[in-house]
Protein backbone atom coordinates (compact mmCIF):
# COMPACT_ATOMS: atom_id res chain seq x y z
CA MET A 1 -11.58 151.86 73.07
CA SER A 2 -13.72 148.59 73.20
CA PRO A 3 -12.68 145.12 72.28
CA SER A 4 -15.04 145.57 69.61
CA THR A 5 -13.99 149.23 68.74
CA GLU A 6 -10.62 148.44 68.13
CA ASN A 7 -11.64 145.59 66.00
CA LEU A 8 -13.89 147.66 64.08
CA VAL A 9 -11.13 150.15 62.63
CA LEU A 10 -8.58 147.44 62.91
CA GLU A 11 -11.02 146.06 59.70
CA HIS A 12 -11.49 149.34 58.14
CA LEU A 13 -7.69 149.92 57.70
CA ARG A 14 -7.00 146.67 56.82
CA ALA A 15 -9.95 147.35 53.72
CA ILE A 16 -8.41 150.51 53.09
CA ARG A 17 -4.93 149.04 52.77
CA ALA A 18 -6.29 146.21 50.39
CA THR A 19 -8.14 148.27 48.42
CA GLN A 20 -4.72 151.12 48.14
CA ASP A 21 -2.46 147.77 47.25
CA LYS A 22 -5.12 147.16 44.45
CA HIS A 23 -4.86 150.54 42.84
CA SER A 24 -1.42 150.31 43.28
CA GLU A 25 -0.95 147.18 41.21
CA ASP A 26 -3.65 149.02 38.75
CA LEU A 27 -0.93 151.43 38.32
CA ARG A 28 1.37 149.58 37.67
CA GLU A 29 -0.24 147.90 34.87
CA ILE A 30 -1.96 150.89 33.14
CA LYS A 31 1.46 152.51 33.83
CA GLY A 32 2.90 149.39 32.42
CA ARG A 33 0.64 150.00 28.57
CA LEU A 34 1.40 153.62 28.78
CA GLY A 35 4.83 152.81 28.21
CA ILE A 36 3.98 149.91 25.12
CA ILE A 37 1.37 153.10 23.71
CA GLU A 38 4.08 155.57 23.68
CA MET A 39 6.84 153.05 22.45
CA GLN A 40 4.01 152.32 19.38
CA TYR A 41 3.76 156.16 18.84
CA ALA A 42 7.26 156.94 18.87
CA ASN A 43 7.29 153.95 16.00
CA LEU A 44 4.60 155.28 13.47
CA SER A 45 5.99 158.76 13.57
CA ASN A 46 8.97 157.77 12.50
CA ARG A 47 7.89 155.93 9.54
CA LEU A 48 5.33 158.75 9.14
CA ASP A 49 8.51 160.75 8.83
CA ARG A 50 10.14 158.61 6.34
CA MET A 51 7.45 158.19 4.38
CA ASP A 52 6.75 162.41 4.44
CA GLU A 53 9.66 162.00 2.78
CA ARG A 54 9.77 159.61 0.40
CA VAL A 55 6.54 161.46 -1.23
CA SER A 56 8.47 165.10 -1.12
CA HIS A 57 10.94 163.41 -2.73
CA ILE A 58 9.58 161.56 -5.50
CA GLU A 59 7.11 165.05 -5.84
CA LYS A 60 10.45 166.85 -6.44
CA ARG A 61 11.72 163.77 -8.80
CA LEU A 62 7.90 164.68 -10.79
CA GLY A 63 8.30 168.33 -10.63
CA LEU A 64 5.23 168.21 -8.99
CA VAL A 65 6.66 171.41 -6.91
CA ASP A 66 9.66 174.38 -7.29
CA VAL A 67 12.34 173.43 -5.83
């Protein structure tokens, strides 16, 4: 290979590596945000479960449902 061809190949490889590094950083950020969303969903789900239990208890005490 001629020196200009080698330089061109190296230039492309460096560009590919830079793009791959950027994608890796983006993926890390996305995974972190997804983890936060999962924690918030779990917290919300637990709160809704507790509210459902409380409403069921209130309905039973008021005689709105069969025991």
